[in-house]
Protein backbone atom coordinates (compact mmCIF):
# COMPACT_ATOMS: atom_id res chain seq x y z
CA UNK A 1 2.93 8.25 -7.72
CA UNK A 2 1.78 6.78 -10.76
CA UNK A 3 2.04 3.08 -11.31
CA UNK A 4 2.28 0.71 -14.18
CA UNK A 5 -1.23 0.61 -15.79
CA UNK A 6 -2.83 -2.79 -15.21
CA UNK A 7 -3.76 -4.89 -18.12
CA UNK A 8 -7.36 -6.12 -17.83
CA UNK A 9 -7.79 -7.92 -20.85
CA UNK A 10 -6.74 -11.52 -21.03
CA UNK A 11 -6.63 -11.34 -24.78
CA UNK A 12 -4.09 -8.57 -24.60
CA UNK A 13 -1.97 -10.56 -21.88
CA UNK A 14 -1.97 -13.57 -24.13
CA UNK A 15 -0.82 -11.28 -27.09
CA UNK A 16 1.94 -9.89 -24.77
CA UNK A 17 2.92 -13.49 -23.80
CA UNK A 18 3.27 -14.41 -27.72
CA UNK A 19 5.41 -11.32 -28.06
CA UNK A 20 7.62 -12.19 -25.38
CA UNK A 21 8.18 -15.70 -26.50
CA UNK A 22 9.27 -14.31 -29.80
CA UNK A 23 11.65 -12.09 -28.31
CA UNK A 24 13.06 -14.90 -26.25
CA UNK A 25 13.63 -17.07 -29.33
CA UNK A 26 15.11 -14.21 -31.43
CA UNK A 27 17.53 -12.98 -28.46
CA UNK A 28 18.90 -16.40 -27.68
CA UNK A 29 19.37 -17.21 -31.28
CA UNK A 30 21.18 -13.77 -31.81
CA UNK A 31 23.30 -14.62 -28.70
CA UNK A 32 24.28 -18.08 -29.87
CA UNK A 33 23.71 -19.35 -26.24
CA UNK A 34 21.22 -19.31 -23.54
CA UNK A 35 18.34 -21.02 -22.11
CA UNK A 36 15.35 -21.34 -24.09
CA UNK A 37 13.30 -24.01 -22.28
CA UNK A 38 13.08 -22.49 -18.93
CA UNK A 39 12.67 -19.06 -20.22
CA UNK A 40 9.71 -19.95 -22.42
CA UNK A 41 7.94 -21.95 -19.43
CA UNK A 42 7.81 -18.89 -17.17
CA UNK A 43 6.25 -16.45 -19.59
CA UNK A 44 2.67 -16.41 -18.62
CA UNK A 45 3.76 -15.92 -14.81
CA UNK A 46 5.98 -12.94 -15.71
CA UNK A 47 3.34 -11.44 -17.96
CA UNK A 48 0.70 -11.63 -15.14
CA UNK A 49 3.20 -10.25 -12.58
CA UNK A 50 4.49 -7.22 -14.68
CA UNK A 51 1.28 -6.34 -16.38
CA UNK A 52 -1.43 -7.13 -13.91
CA UNK A 53 -0.40 -7.75 -10.22
CA UNK A 54 2.80 -6.00 -9.31
CA UNK A 55 2.88 -2.69 -8.11
CA UNK A 56 5.82 -0.92 -10.02
CA UNK A 57 6.56 2.14 -11.91
CA UNK A 58 8.99 1.96 -14.94
CA UNK A 59 9.43 5.67 -14.67
CA UNK A 60 10.73 5.37 -11.25
CA UNK A 61 12.30 1.83 -10.81
CA UNK A 62 13.54 2.78 -7.18
CA UNK A 63 10.31 3.86 -6.11
CA UNK A 64 10.47 2.67 -2.27
CA UNK A 65 7.04 1.30 -2.11
CA UNK A 66 7.36 -0.82 -5.26
CA UNK A 67 6.64 -4.58 -5.06
CA UNK A 68 9.95 -6.66 -5.48
CA UNK A 69 10.44 -9.56 -8.08
CA UNK A 70 13.58 -11.91 -7.85
CA UNK A 71 14.33 -14.41 -10.43
CA UNK A 72 16.15 -16.99 -8.48
CA UNK A 73 16.37 -19.19 -11.41
CA UNK A 74 18.49 -16.82 -13.16
CA UNK A 75 19.03 -18.82 -16.32
CA UNK A 76 15.52 -17.75 -17.30
CA UNK A 77 16.76 -14.27 -17.64
CA UNK A 78 15.61 -13.88 -21.30
CA UNK A 79 12.07 -14.05 -20.20
CA UNK A 80 12.68 -11.42 -17.50
CA UNK A 81 14.36 -9.04 -19.86
CA UNK A 82 11.51 -9.34 -22.33
CA UNK A 83 9.03 -8.47 -19.73
CA UNK A 84 11.15 -5.43 -18.66
CA UNK A 85 11.36 -4.22 -22.22
CA UNK A 86 7.53 -4.51 -22.85
CA UNK A 87 7.05 -2.95 -19.45
CA UNK A 88 9.05 0.05 -20.62
CA UNK A 89 12.16 -0.45 -18.24
CA UNK A 90 14.50 -0.85 -21.12
CA UNK A 91 14.48 -0.46 -25.00
CA UNK A 92 13.17 -3.50 -26.60
CA UNK A 93 16.14 -3.40 -29.25
CA UNK A 94 18.45 -3.96 -26.33
CA UNK A 95 17.22 -7.49 -26.03
CA UNK A 96 19.35 -8.40 -29.14
CA UNK A 97 22.36 -7.66 -26.97
CA UNK A 98 21.88 -10.62 -24.84
CA UNK A 99 25.09 -12.07 -23.59
CA UNK A 100 27.19 -9.73 -25.56
CA UNK A 101 30.34 -8.13 -24.24
CA UNK A 102 29.48 -5.20 -22.10
CA UNK A 103 25.70 -5.61 -22.48
CA UNK A 104 23.55 -4.88 -19.54
CA UNK A 105 21.62 -8.21 -20.33
CA UNK A 106 24.06 -10.77 -18.98
CA UNK A 107 23.27 -14.32 -19.34
CA UNK A 108 22.14 -14.27 -15.59
CA UNK A 109 20.79 -11.24 -13.96
CA UNK A 110 23.42 -9.02 -12.96
CA UNK A 111 22.50 -5.88 -10.93
CA UNK A 112 25.92 -4.34 -11.36
CA UNK A 113 25.19 -4.38 -15.22
CA UNK A 114 21.38 -3.61 -14.91
CA UNK A 115 20.68 -1.40 -11.62
CA UNK A 116 16.84 -1.88 -12.12
CA UNK A 117 17.11 -5.55 -10.91
CA UNK A 118 16.52 -6.33 -7.34
CA UNK A 119 19.33 -8.74 -7.09
CA UNK A 120 21.94 -10.50 -8.96
CA UNK A 121 21.04 -14.23 -9.31
CA UNK A 122 21.93 -17.45 -11.06
CA UNK A 123 23.62 -19.29 -8.46
CA UNK A 124 20.52 -21.54 -7.64
CA UNK A 125 19.04 -21.68 -4.24
CA UNK A 126 19.75 -18.19 -2.95
CA UNK A 127 16.64 -16.09 -4.23
CA UNK A 128 14.34 -17.13 -1.33
CA UNK A 129 16.84 -15.95 1.04
CA UNK A 130 17.18 -12.67 -0.79
CA UNK A 131 13.35 -12.35 -0.79
CA UNK A 132 13.31 -12.95 2.87
CA UNK A 133 15.64 -10.08 3.31
CA UNK A 134 13.39 -7.57 1.41
CA UNK A 135 10.28 -8.89 3.09
CA UNK A 136 11.86 -8.58 6.46
CA UNK A 137 12.88 -5.06 5.52
CA UNK A 138 9.35 -4.11 4.64
CA UNK A 139 8.09 -5.31 7.92
CA UNK A 140 10.75 -3.49 9.91
CA UNK A 141 10.22 -0.30 7.94
CA UNK A 142 6.48 -0.70 8.09
CA UNK A 143 5.85 -0.80 4.23
CA UNK A 144 3.37 -2.68 2.57
CA UNK A 145 5.11 -3.85 -0.53
CA UNK A 146 5.18 -7.47 -1.43
CA UNK A 147 7.98 -9.56 -2.55
CA UNK A 148 7.70 -12.31 -5.15
CA UNK A 149 10.67 -14.94 -5.79
CA UNK A 150 10.52 -17.32 -8.69
CA UNK A 151 12.34 -20.58 -8.33
CA UNK A 152 12.77 -23.65 -10.36
CA UNK A 153 11.67 -27.11 -9.47
CA UNK A 154 15.15 -28.48 -10.19
CA UNK A 155 16.55 -25.58 -7.97
CA UNK A 156 14.40 -27.09 -5.12
CA UNK A 157 16.88 -29.76 -4.78
CA UNK A 158 19.14 -27.13 -3.13
CA UNK A 159 19.33 -27.30 0.67
CA UNK A 160 19.17 -23.43 0.98
CA UNK A 161 15.74 -23.50 -0.32
CA UNK A 162 14.49 -25.57 2.49
CA UNK A 163 16.36 -23.54 5.11
CA UNK A 164 14.42 -20.39 3.66
CA UNK A 165 11.30 -22.38 3.62
CA UNK A 166 11.80 -23.02 7.33
CA UNK A 167 12.82 -19.43 8.21
CA UNK A 168 9.93 -17.44 6.31
CA UNK A 169 6.76 -18.94 8.26
CA UNK A 170 8.64 -18.65 11.56
CA UNK A 171 8.84 -15.02 10.95
CA UNK A 172 5.38 -14.72 9.66
CA UNK A 173 6.42 -13.30 6.21
CA UNK A 174 3.11 -12.98 4.73
CA UNK A 175 4.36 -10.32 2.31
CA UNK A 176 6.43 -13.01 0.74
CA UNK A 177 5.15 -15.21 -2.29
CA UNK A 178 7.55 -17.97 -3.84
CA UNK A 179 6.48 -18.97 -7.26
CA UNK A 180 7.71 -22.46 -8.34
CA UNK A 181 8.08 -22.80 -12.17
CA UNK A 182 7.41 -26.54 -11.93
CA UNK A 183 8.38 -27.62 -15.44
CA UNK A 184 9.47 -31.02 -14.47
CA UNK A 185 12.85 -30.67 -15.96
CA UNK A 186 16.50 -29.58 -15.12
CA UNK A 187 19.82 -29.56 -17.07
CA UNK A 188 20.06 -33.04 -18.35
CA UNK A 189 17.03 -34.83 -17.50
CA UNK A 190 13.53 -34.89 -15.90
CA UNK A 191 13.47 -33.86 -12.29
CA UNK A 192 12.02 -37.13 -11.26
CA UNK A 193 14.81 -38.90 -12.67
CA UNK A 194 17.65 -36.87 -11.13
CA UNK A 195 15.98 -36.46 -7.56
CA UNK A 196 12.22 -36.42 -7.10
CA UNK A 197 10.71 -33.71 -5.12
CA UNK A 198 7.50 -35.57 -4.54
CA UNK A 199 5.34 -34.90 -2.51
CA UNK A 200 6.23 -31.37 -3.36
CA UNK A 201 3.17 -29.38 -2.18
CA UNK A 202 2.96 -31.49 0.96
CA UNK A 203 6.52 -30.56 1.78
CA UNK A 204 5.77 -26.83 1.51
CA UNK A 205 2.66 -27.25 3.51
CA UNK A 206 4.61 -29.09 6.28
CA UNK A 207 6.95 -25.95 6.62
CA UNK A 208 4.05 -23.88 7.43
CA UNK A 209 3.42 -22.18 3.86
CA UNK A 210 -0.04 -21.47 2.26
CA UNK A 211 0.30 -23.71 -1.00
CA UNK A 212 -1.72 -23.45 -4.24
CA UNK A 213 -1.05 -25.45 -7.25
CA UNK A 214 -2.07 -24.09 -10.64
CA UNK A 215 -1.68 -24.45 -14.24
CA UNK A 216 1.13 -21.83 -15.05
CA UNK A 217 -0.01 -21.20 -18.67
CA UNK A 218 -3.64 -20.60 -17.78
CA UNK A 219 -4.21 -16.81 -17.04
CA UNK A 220 -7.56 -17.64 -15.51
CA UNK A 221 -5.58 -19.59 -12.85
CA UNK A 222 -2.55 -17.50 -12.80
CA UNK A 223 -3.93 -14.08 -11.99
CA UNK A 224 -6.13 -15.05 -9.06
CA UNK A 225 -3.30 -16.88 -7.50
CA UNK A 226 -0.84 -14.23 -7.60
CA UNK A 227 -3.50 -11.54 -6.61
CA UNK A 228 -4.67 -13.58 -3.65
CA UNK A 229 -1.03 -14.14 -2.57
CA UNK A 230 -0.47 -10.29 -2.88
CA UNK A 231 -3.48 -9.75 -0.76
CA UNK A 232 -2.48 -12.55 1.79
CA UNK A 233 -3.68 -11.51 5.39
CA UNK A 234 -2.78 -14.65 7.09
CA UNK A 235 0.46 -15.06 9.07
CA UNK A 236 2.02 -17.31 6.48
CA UNK A 237 3.93 -16.92 3.34
CA UNK A 238 2.66 -18.46 0.19
CA UNK A 239 4.02 -20.88 -2.27
CA UNK A 240 2.46 -21.12 -5.78
CA UNK A 241 3.28 -24.25 -7.40
CA UNK A 242 2.84 -23.33 -11.36
CA UNK A 243 2.82 -26.55 -13.34
CA UNK A 244 4.36 -25.48 -16.72
CA UNK A 245 5.74 -27.16 -19.92
CA UNK A 246 9.34 -26.38 -20.50
CA UNK A 247 9.70 -24.94 -23.99
CA UNK A 248 5.98 -23.94 -24.13
CA UNK A 249 4.70 -22.38 -27.23
CA UNK A 250 7.26 -24.23 -29.61
CA UNK A 251 6.45 -27.73 -30.43
CA UNK A 252 9.86 -29.08 -30.87
CA UNK A 253 11.03 -27.42 -27.80
CA UNK A 254 8.16 -28.31 -25.49
CA UNK A 255 8.86 -30.99 -22.91
CA UNK A 256 12.20 -31.63 -24.74
CA UNK A 257 15.27 -31.90 -22.22
CA UNK A 258 17.71 -30.79 -25.07
CA UNK A 259 16.43 -27.38 -24.86
CA UNK A 260 17.48 -26.52 -21.50
CA UNK A 261 20.60 -24.77 -22.63
CA UNK A 262 20.89 -24.88 -26.39
CA UNK A 263 20.49 -21.90 -28.61
CA UNK A 264 18.26 -22.30 -31.67
CA UNK A 265 19.94 -22.17 -34.95
CA UNK A 266 18.61 -19.74 -37.61
CA UNK A 267 16.46 -22.18 -39.27
CA UNK A 268 15.09 -23.41 -35.73
CA UNK A 269 14.59 -19.80 -34.84
CA UNK A 270 12.52 -19.29 -38.17
CA UNK A 271 10.32 -22.54 -37.52
CA UNK A 272 9.64 -21.45 -34.05
CA UNK A 273 8.81 -17.98 -34.97
CA UNK A 274 6.34 -19.27 -37.74
CA UNK A 275 4.77 -21.44 -35.00
CA UNK A 276 4.35 -18.51 -32.66
CA UNK A 277 3.02 -16.28 -35.53
CA UNK A 278 0.30 -18.91 -36.20
CA UNK A 279 -0.89 -18.72 -32.57
CA UNK A 280 -1.77 -15.01 -33.07
CA UNK A 281 -5.46 -14.11 -33.23
């Protein structure tokens, strides 16, 4: 079995992340709707997963021993679609069909339309429970694949998150990693204003998880944290709290609540792309 070739160069990973950000801006503008802020905040995390950490094979998407990735915060789908395109799962030109009638690239991940996905997501709070199912299946089938689930910090206000957080350590699911895209915002305000999660890391620790806090835009922290989680030999699941910036990479979107679910206009798209182009080495 051939697996996806690991990208060892951090500079190459950074270049991929920039291209993915450009794709996100373009596809959401073309769709006329979508969620740019939370898509841009998760880019480094997805780049590190798909090009460095996950064991997967674009030529055999249903490979039994593949690692699983579930995007629980389904509104961040544009970033996932960009990663899948650059990894070779879908044609890159398909990205411009985002949210179009009949397109496999729905506004939230839909496995009926895009079978290479592990699950249909977007109803917030459910992703960890789905991940628990795949992690338990690996234990029962005596397979060594790992399951990664990405959730949002606003999503973490959902009760089902904490039911799942209680369940996974009890069943010693060390083959499960939850990544929190902790961009500190949700639909219409900052998370601390709507319903504070603090003390966030301590909550996860109290439920019995290994917990690590990182800068979610720094590959020097992201890669070791993900690799360590995948190699976890303890009896506990892992939670990585990745501190990120909503709208990262585009100055007028960064840390601006407005850009949770607003598509850029053509002139805003052009301004964003100009900024991203200037970041290229």
